[in-house]
């Protein structure tokens, strides 16, 4: 039985998403508190607008008590319609983060599966990309992402 549920994020979750992004960048990086604070304060406004306009889709895992313990986002970047991708959108996965106390329980996998299922169902973008950490590469590879260490992607459109 899961100790959490997954739900779609709304514009009201912008501060939670920005906080997770801050924690993600602080995790193992040599970033100053001032830089993290600046990024978080700018990002909260950006992601609130993108959530409201539908250009950012988010999924959050939360405990029964309502604590958000993990999240993942999909930024639908404007992309010119090209051969085999006529949507004008390219998905970019970001903000994949799980609180340390909840890691290694399959939460990120479940969040990514929710994201991938929605991309397949909606056909909103033919391709999604992400920049994985070395630690996360095996997870993304197991979910069908391919690519080098700097960028991995998954194609959802017609094969060319």
Protein backbone atom coordinates (compact mmCIF):
# COMPACT_ATOMS: atom_id res chain seq x y z
CA UNK A 1 0.00 0.00 0.00
CA UNK A 2 1.29 3.48 -0.87
CA UNK A 3 1.92 5.96 1.86
CA UNK A 4 1.23 8.76 -0.62
CA UNK A 5 -1.09 9.83 -3.41
CA UNK A 6 -0.26 11.52 -6.68
CA UNK A 7 -2.18 14.55 -7.87
CA UNK A 8 -1.88 17.14 -10.62
CA UNK A 9 -0.39 20.45 -9.60
CA UNK A 10 -2.27 23.72 -9.99
CA UNK A 11 -1.17 27.36 -10.03
CA UNK A 12 -1.72 27.38 -6.25
CA UNK A 13 1.20 24.91 -5.98
CA UNK A 14 3.75 27.30 -7.50
CA UNK A 15 5.51 28.00 -4.20
CA UNK A 16 5.74 24.27 -3.40
CA UNK A 17 7.22 23.55 -6.83
CA UNK A 18 9.69 26.43 -6.51
CA UNK A 19 10.74 25.15 -3.06
CA UNK A 20 11.31 21.65 -4.45
CA UNK A 21 13.38 23.15 -7.25
CA UNK A 22 15.48 24.99 -4.69
CA UNK A 23 16.01 21.78 -2.72
CA UNK A 24 16.88 19.92 -5.92
CA UNK A 25 19.58 22.46 -6.82
CA UNK A 26 20.87 22.59 -3.24
CA UNK A 27 21.19 18.79 -3.09
CA UNK A 28 24.87 18.12 -3.63
CA UNK A 29 25.67 21.40 -5.35
CA UNK A 30 27.93 24.18 -4.22
CA UNK A 31 25.33 26.89 -4.55
CA UNK A 32 25.06 29.78 -2.10
CA UNK A 33 21.92 30.45 -0.10
CA UNK A 34 21.66 33.87 -1.79
CA UNK A 35 21.68 32.28 -5.26
CA UNK A 36 19.12 29.67 -4.23
CA UNK A 37 16.86 32.33 -2.70
CA UNK A 38 17.06 34.48 -5.84
CA UNK A 39 16.31 31.54 -8.13
CA UNK A 40 13.39 30.36 -5.98
CA UNK A 41 11.81 33.82 -5.82
CA UNK A 42 12.04 34.27 -9.59
CA UNK A 43 10.92 30.74 -10.37
CA UNK A 44 7.75 30.88 -8.27
CA UNK A 45 6.36 33.67 -10.47
CA UNK A 46 7.44 31.96 -13.68
CA UNK A 47 5.94 28.58 -12.80
CA UNK A 48 2.69 30.12 -11.51
CA UNK A 49 2.12 31.73 -14.91
CA UNK A 50 3.09 28.56 -16.80
CA UNK A 51 0.77 26.42 -14.64
CA UNK A 52 -2.09 28.87 -15.19
CA UNK A 53 -1.59 28.92 -18.98
CA UNK A 54 -1.09 25.16 -19.28
CA UNK A 55 2.53 25.48 -20.43
CA UNK A 56 3.73 23.62 -17.33
CA UNK A 57 2.15 20.42 -16.08
CA UNK A 58 3.08 19.15 -12.66
CA UNK A 59 2.44 16.10 -10.54
CA UNK A 60 2.96 16.01 -6.79
CA UNK A 61 3.15 13.11 -4.35
CA UNK A 62 1.74 13.88 -0.96
CA UNK A 63 1.20 12.03 2.28
CA UNK A 64 -2.19 11.42 3.84
CA UNK A 65 -1.58 14.48 6.01
CA UNK A 66 -1.03 16.65 2.90
CA UNK A 67 2.77 17.00 3.04
CA UNK A 68 4.20 17.22 -0.48
CA UNK A 69 7.11 14.76 -0.57
CA UNK A 70 7.99 14.63 -4.26
CA UNK A 71 7.19 16.18 -7.59
CA UNK A 72 7.85 16.25 -11.30
CA UNK A 73 7.07 18.80 -13.98
CA UNK A 74 6.73 19.00 -17.73
CA UNK A 75 7.40 22.33 -19.39
CA UNK A 76 5.73 22.46 -22.79
CA UNK A 77 8.17 24.61 -24.71
CA UNK A 78 7.11 26.31 -27.88
CA UNK A 79 8.75 24.48 -30.75
CA UNK A 80 8.33 25.09 -34.45
CA UNK A 81 6.28 22.46 -36.22
CA UNK A 82 8.82 20.22 -37.93
CA UNK A 83 8.61 16.95 -39.81
CA UNK A 84 7.04 14.32 -37.61
CA UNK A 85 6.31 16.83 -34.83
CA UNK A 86 3.42 19.03 -35.86
CA UNK A 87 2.30 19.96 -32.35
CA UNK A 88 4.49 23.03 -32.01
CA UNK A 89 5.44 21.80 -28.54
CA UNK A 90 8.39 19.97 -27.09
CA UNK A 91 8.20 18.64 -23.57
CA UNK A 92 11.02 19.22 -21.11
CA UNK A 93 10.98 17.27 -17.85
CA UNK A 94 12.16 19.25 -14.86
CA UNK A 95 11.92 19.47 -11.09
CA UNK A 96 12.11 15.74 -10.46
CA UNK A 97 12.62 15.74 -6.72
CA UNK A 98 11.89 13.53 -3.73
CA UNK A 99 12.55 14.50 -0.13
CA UNK A 100 15.52 12.46 1.17
CA UNK A 101 13.46 10.58 3.77
CA UNK A 102 11.20 9.22 0.99
CA UNK A 103 13.80 8.23 -1.61
CA UNK A 104 14.30 4.70 -2.97
CA UNK A 105 10.59 3.86 -2.62
CA UNK A 106 9.57 4.19 -6.29
CA UNK A 107 7.90 7.57 -5.90
CA UNK A 108 9.86 9.27 -8.70
CA UNK A 109 9.06 6.31 -10.99
CA UNK A 110 5.35 6.62 -10.24
CA UNK A 111 5.44 10.37 -10.86
CA UNK A 112 7.30 9.87 -14.15
CA UNK A 113 4.82 7.17 -15.19
CA UNK A 114 1.94 9.60 -14.55
CA UNK A 115 3.72 12.21 -16.69
CA UNK A 116 4.47 9.75 -19.52
CA UNK A 117 0.93 8.38 -19.49
CA UNK A 118 -0.49 11.90 -19.87
CA UNK A 119 1.90 12.74 -22.72
CA UNK A 120 0.84 9.56 -24.54
CA UNK A 121 -2.86 10.15 -23.90
CA UNK A 122 -2.92 13.85 -24.80
CA UNK A 123 -0.38 13.73 -27.65
CA UNK A 124 0.60 17.24 -26.54
CA UNK A 125 4.21 16.74 -27.65
CA UNK A 126 5.90 14.17 -29.82
CA UNK A 127 9.17 14.35 -27.91
CA UNK A 128 10.19 15.04 -24.36
CA UNK A 129 13.70 15.68 -23.11
CA UNK A 130 15.46 15.86 -19.78
CA UNK A 131 18.90 16.46 -18.32
CA UNK A 132 19.48 13.58 -15.89
CA UNK A 133 21.80 13.37 -12.96
CA UNK A 134 24.14 10.40 -13.12
CA UNK A 135 22.23 8.86 -10.21
CA UNK A 136 18.90 9.10 -12.10
CA UNK A 137 20.05 7.83 -15.52
CA UNK A 138 19.06 4.19 -14.82
CA UNK A 139 15.54 5.24 -13.87
CA UNK A 140 15.05 7.24 -17.07
CA UNK A 141 16.59 4.52 -19.24
CA UNK A 142 14.19 1.98 -17.71
CA UNK A 143 11.31 4.30 -18.66
CA UNK A 144 12.35 4.41 -22.32
CA UNK A 145 14.54 7.50 -22.45
CA UNK A 146 17.62 7.31 -24.65
CA UNK A 147 20.64 9.51 -25.14
CA UNK A 148 23.99 10.57 -23.87
CA UNK A 149 24.85 11.65 -20.35
CA UNK A 150 23.95 15.30 -20.99
CA UNK A 151 20.52 14.82 -22.53
CA UNK A 152 18.02 12.00 -22.74
CA UNK A 153 14.80 12.01 -24.76
CA UNK A 154 11.81 9.91 -25.61
CA UNK A 155 9.89 10.11 -28.88
CA UNK A 156 6.10 9.69 -28.88
CA UNK A 157 5.30 10.63 -32.47
CA UNK A 158 5.34 8.66 -35.68
CA UNK A 159 8.64 6.96 -36.42
CA UNK A 160 10.70 8.61 -39.12
